[in-house]
């Protein structure tokens, strides 16, 4: 049973409509595979150093694929019987990468993403924490040691952060970037000497709650092989929601 709120699913769908130009997509396999031509729309998530020559989002049994016009017809044929659940199998990624190589592109990454569990328990912000706004985050740019919490990206600006404090020293930080019109992505870092205090879960949870209160959708992304990060997501009240394939120029 899905414990992601219906409203959250509706909103993330609106985000994907922008990310993959879905209003112009063709349904190439009924209610399963949608293919559109690449376009950068206002409010779309733009991951730094990636190229929208090809993009795929696999969400709730559906595959949303956006491709450059030059490979659109080929992809239409290739994916007409695709099974979204197995879209990130290496055999499929190998085929995609082979096609991309002919156009001087390659797969940059695959990621899994998490959305809030609406039944997750609320955690009080009752530890020694310090909150930072967008301007305060900008001022930390040159001394930033928390590179997952604050990515200092031009396409995904950091807008809010919270740190766990030990006097004047920061033990760890969770930050959220303005990734798209409807969503904020959370990243987390904890210094090694403080890593057994449950801080990653705590900071991620209270930041998630604050973003939800503002009426936006917090989400959390990580690599399939990063089990520690996946555990932080789940313990912070997130559930697996979608997978994504990114492409870059060679």
Protein backbone atom coordinates (compact mmCIF):
# COMPACT_ATOMS: atom_id res chain seq x y z
CA UNK A 1 0.00 0.00 0.00
CA UNK A 2 1.35 3.39 -1.01
CA UNK A 3 1.76 5.82 1.85
CA UNK A 4 2.69 8.79 -0.31
CA UNK A 5 -0.14 11.32 -0.14
CA UNK A 6 -2.34 11.60 -3.26
CA UNK A 7 -1.70 15.35 -3.28
CA UNK A 8 2.08 14.73 -3.30
CA UNK A 9 1.75 12.31 -6.21
CA UNK A 10 -0.37 14.84 -8.13
CA UNK A 11 2.19 17.59 -7.52
CA UNK A 12 5.22 15.50 -8.46
CA UNK A 13 3.40 14.54 -11.65
CA UNK A 14 3.10 18.26 -12.47
CA UNK A 15 6.87 18.54 -11.92
CA UNK A 16 7.53 15.62 -14.27
CA UNK A 17 5.25 17.26 -16.88
CA UNK A 18 7.77 20.13 -16.91
CA UNK A 19 10.90 17.97 -16.60
CA UNK A 20 9.99 15.74 -19.58
CA UNK A 21 7.75 18.04 -21.65
CA UNK A 22 4.90 15.57 -21.10
CA UNK A 23 2.13 17.85 -22.38
CA UNK A 24 3.53 17.14 -25.86
CA UNK A 25 4.32 13.47 -25.23
CA UNK A 26 3.09 10.58 -27.36
CA UNK A 27 1.75 7.53 -25.54
CA UNK A 28 3.75 4.80 -27.29
CA UNK A 29 2.68 1.99 -24.95
CA UNK A 30 -0.76 2.38 -23.42
CA UNK A 31 -0.62 3.94 -19.96
CA UNK A 32 3.03 2.85 -19.63
CA UNK A 33 5.53 4.57 -21.93
CA UNK A 34 5.41 8.24 -22.94
CA UNK A 35 7.84 9.85 -25.37
CA UNK A 36 8.39 13.56 -25.99
CA UNK A 37 10.86 15.80 -27.78
CA UNK A 38 13.52 17.53 -25.70
CA UNK A 39 12.70 21.00 -24.51
CA UNK A 40 13.72 23.02 -21.44
CA UNK A 41 10.56 24.37 -19.83
CA UNK A 42 10.33 27.03 -17.11
CA UNK A 43 10.26 25.35 -13.72
CA UNK A 44 11.82 22.07 -14.93
CA UNK A 45 14.51 20.42 -12.81
CA UNK A 46 17.85 21.04 -14.50
CA UNK A 47 20.64 18.92 -13.05
CA UNK A 48 23.98 20.68 -13.47
CA UNK A 49 26.36 19.26 -16.12
CA UNK A 50 23.64 17.13 -17.70
CA UNK A 51 22.21 17.31 -21.21
CA UNK A 52 18.54 16.95 -22.12
CA UNK A 53 19.42 15.14 -25.35
CA UNK A 54 17.91 12.17 -23.47
CA UNK A 55 16.15 11.94 -20.12
CA UNK A 56 14.07 9.19 -18.56
CA UNK A 57 11.96 9.22 -15.40
CA UNK A 58 10.45 5.92 -14.25
CA UNK A 59 7.56 6.53 -11.87
CA UNK A 60 4.72 4.32 -10.60
CA UNK A 61 4.95 1.80 -13.43
CA UNK A 62 5.31 4.44 -16.16
CA UNK A 63 8.33 5.59 -18.17
CA UNK A 64 8.55 9.24 -19.20
CA UNK A 65 11.21 9.61 -21.88
CA UNK A 66 12.36 12.85 -23.48
CA UNK A 67 14.73 12.74 -26.45
CA UNK A 68 16.34 14.95 -29.01
CA UNK A 69 14.43 15.10 -32.32
CA UNK A 70 17.31 13.27 -34.04
CA UNK A 71 16.68 10.04 -32.08
CA UNK A 72 12.94 10.44 -31.44
CA UNK A 73 11.74 8.00 -34.13
CA UNK A 74 14.40 5.45 -33.22
CA UNK A 75 13.41 5.62 -29.54
CA UNK A 76 9.75 5.29 -30.48
CA UNK A 77 10.54 1.96 -32.12
CA UNK A 78 12.99 0.86 -29.43
CA UNK A 79 10.75 1.52 -26.44
CA UNK A 80 7.32 0.64 -27.88
CA UNK A 81 7.22 -2.51 -25.72
CA UNK A 82 9.45 -1.32 -22.88
CA UNK A 83 8.69 -2.52 -19.37
CA UNK A 84 9.09 0.50 -17.08
CA UNK A 85 9.76 -1.63 -13.98
CA UNK A 86 12.91 -3.02 -15.61
CA UNK A 87 13.94 0.09 -17.55
CA UNK A 88 17.20 0.54 -15.59
CA UNK A 89 18.38 -3.00 -16.23
CA UNK A 90 21.93 -2.87 -17.50
CA UNK A 91 21.02 -4.49 -20.83
CA UNK A 92 18.69 -1.55 -21.54
CA UNK A 93 21.17 1.05 -20.25
CA UNK A 94 23.84 -0.45 -22.51
CA UNK A 95 21.61 -0.01 -25.59
CA UNK A 96 20.78 3.58 -24.62
CA UNK A 97 24.44 4.38 -23.98
CA UNK A 98 25.44 2.87 -27.33
CA UNK A 99 22.94 5.12 -29.16
CA UNK A 100 24.06 8.18 -27.20
CA UNK A 101 27.73 7.53 -28.02
CA UNK A 102 26.93 8.00 -31.72
CA UNK A 103 25.81 11.53 -30.83
CA UNK A 104 28.76 12.33 -28.56
CA UNK A 105 26.73 11.78 -25.38
CA UNK A 106 26.76 9.13 -22.65
CA UNK A 107 24.78 8.12 -19.59
CA UNK A 108 26.03 10.25 -16.70
CA UNK A 109 24.16 8.57 -13.89
CA UNK A 110 21.11 6.69 -12.69
CA UNK A 111 19.53 7.71 -9.41
CA UNK A 112 16.69 6.66 -7.15
CA UNK A 113 14.46 9.24 -5.49
CA UNK A 114 12.25 9.30 -2.42
CA UNK A 115 9.07 11.21 -1.50
CA UNK A 116 7.59 11.84 1.98
CA UNK A 117 5.59 9.13 3.73
CA UNK A 118 2.50 10.96 4.99
CA UNK A 119 2.23 8.56 7.95
CA UNK A 120 5.75 9.34 9.20
CA UNK A 121 5.83 10.54 12.80
CA UNK A 122 6.54 14.21 13.46
CA UNK A 123 9.88 14.98 15.12
CA UNK A 124 10.32 18.04 17.34
CA UNK A 125 13.09 20.52 16.55
CA UNK A 126 14.35 20.36 20.14
CA UNK A 127 18.10 19.80 19.78
CA UNK A 128 20.78 22.47 19.45
CA UNK A 129 20.21 23.51 15.84
CA UNK A 130 20.80 26.59 13.71
CA UNK A 131 18.78 27.51 10.61
CA UNK A 132 20.21 29.35 7.59
CA UNK A 133 18.41 31.28 4.85
CA UNK A 134 19.50 31.70 1.23
CA UNK A 135 21.68 34.76 1.86
CA UNK A 136 23.41 33.17 4.88
CA UNK A 137 24.09 30.06 2.78
CA UNK A 138 25.64 32.24 0.04
CA UNK A 139 27.96 33.77 2.64
CA UNK A 140 29.21 30.27 3.56
CA UNK A 141 30.00 29.35 -0.03
CA UNK A 142 33.79 29.71 0.24
CA UNK A 143 34.07 27.89 3.57
CA UNK A 144 31.49 25.18 2.89
CA UNK A 145 32.52 21.71 4.09
CA UNK A 146 29.10 20.10 3.65
CA UNK A 147 29.07 19.35 -0.07
CA UNK A 148 26.03 17.07 -0.09
CA UNK A 149 23.95 19.49 2.00
CA UNK A 150 25.01 22.58 0.01
CA UNK A 151 25.83 21.89 -3.62
CA UNK A 152 26.40 25.56 -4.63
CA UNK A 153 24.93 24.82 -8.06
CA UNK A 154 23.84 27.53 -10.49
CA UNK A 155 20.88 25.44 -11.71
CA UNK A 156 19.86 24.14 -8.25
CA UNK A 157 20.44 27.03 -5.80
CA UNK A 158 20.60 26.21 -2.08
CA UNK A 159 17.77 28.04 -0.29
CA UNK A 160 17.48 26.66 3.24
CA UNK A 161 19.68 24.68 5.62
CA UNK A 162 19.77 23.48 9.20
CA UNK A 163 22.88 22.53 11.18
CA UNK A 164 23.33 20.55 14.40
CA UNK A 165 25.57 22.57 16.70
CA UNK A 166 28.21 21.75 19.29
CA UNK A 167 28.70 25.23 20.77
CA UNK A 168 29.86 27.29 17.76
CA UNK A 169 30.87 24.22 15.79
CA UNK A 170 28.62 22.59 13.20
CA UNK A 171 28.40 18.81 13.60
CA UNK A 172 26.37 18.22 10.46
CA UNK A 173 24.00 19.94 8.07
CA UNK A 174 20.93 19.23 5.97
CA UNK A 175 20.24 21.61 3.09
CA UNK A 176 17.56 21.95 0.44
CA UNK A 177 17.97 23.28 -3.07
CA UNK A 178 15.37 24.87 -5.33
CA UNK A 179 15.37 22.13 -7.96
CA UNK A 180 12.09 22.74 -9.76
CA UNK A 181 8.86 24.69 -9.59
CA UNK A 182 7.20 22.35 -7.09
CA UNK A 183 10.08 20.58 -5.36
CA UNK A 184 13.05 21.02 -3.04
CA UNK A 185 15.84 18.43 -2.89
CA UNK A 186 17.39 17.57 0.47
CA UNK A 187 21.07 16.70 0.96
CA UNK A 188 22.80 15.72 4.20
CA UNK A 189 26.35 15.65 5.64
CA UNK A 190 27.56 14.77 9.14
CA UNK A 191 31.18 15.12 10.22
CA UNK A 192 32.83 11.78 10.89
CA UNK A 193 33.30 12.22 14.65
CA UNK A 194 29.55 12.79 15.11
CA UNK A 195 28.25 10.02 12.89
CA UNK A 196 26.69 7.78 15.52
CA UNK A 197 24.32 10.32 17.05
CA UNK A 198 21.40 9.88 14.63
CA UNK A 199 22.01 13.39 13.27
CA UNK A 200 21.57 12.56 9.57
CA UNK A 201 18.04 11.25 10.20
CA UNK A 202 17.18 14.04 12.64
CA UNK A 203 18.32 16.93 10.43
CA UNK A 204 16.79 15.43 7.27
CA UNK A 205 13.47 14.92 9.09
CA UNK A 206 13.12 18.42 10.52
CA UNK A 207 14.08 19.99 7.19
CA UNK A 208 11.56 17.77 5.38
CA UNK A 209 8.84 18.90 7.83
CA UNK A 210 9.65 22.58 7.32
CA UNK A 211 9.46 22.28 3.52
CA UNK A 212 6.12 20.44 3.75
CA UNK A 213 4.76 23.23 6.00
CA UNK A 214 5.63 25.70 3.24
CA UNK A 215 3.39 23.72 0.87
CA UNK A 216 6.23 22.37 -1.28
CA UNK A 217 7.42 18.82 -1.93
CA UNK A 218 10.73 17.77 -0.35
CA UNK A 219 12.48 14.87 -2.06
CA UNK A 220 15.66 12.90 -1.45
CA UNK A 221 17.91 11.31 -4.05
CA UNK A 222 20.79 8.89 -3.91
CA UNK A 223 22.69 6.22 -5.78
CA UNK A 224 21.30 2.69 -5.87
CA UNK A 225 24.52 1.43 -4.28
CA UNK A 226 24.52 3.93 -1.41
CA UNK A 227 22.74 1.86 1.25
CA UNK A 228 23.66 4.20 4.12
CA UNK A 229 22.05 7.14 2.32
CA UNK A 230 18.99 5.05 1.42
CA UNK A 231 18.59 4.12 5.08
CA UNK A 232 18.73 7.80 6.08
CA UNK A 233 15.92 8.51 3.60
CA UNK A 234 13.71 5.72 4.97
CA UNK A 235 14.40 6.53 8.64
CA UNK A 236 13.61 10.19 7.89
CA UNK A 237 10.12 9.31 6.67
CA UNK A 238 10.72 9.00 2.93
CA UNK A 239 9.64 6.18 0.59
CA UNK A 240 11.13 5.10 -2.77
CA UNK A 241 9.18 6.85 -5.53
CA UNK A 242 11.01 7.07 -8.86
CA UNK A 243 14.23 6.40 -10.78
CA UNK A 244 15.93 8.64 -13.29
CA UNK A 245 18.53 8.39 -16.06
CA UNK A 246 20.74 11.41 -16.78
CA UNK A 247 22.91 12.08 -19.79
CA UNK A 248 25.96 14.29 -20.39
CA UNK A 249 28.14 15.31 -23.31
CA UNK A 250 31.25 13.18 -23.76
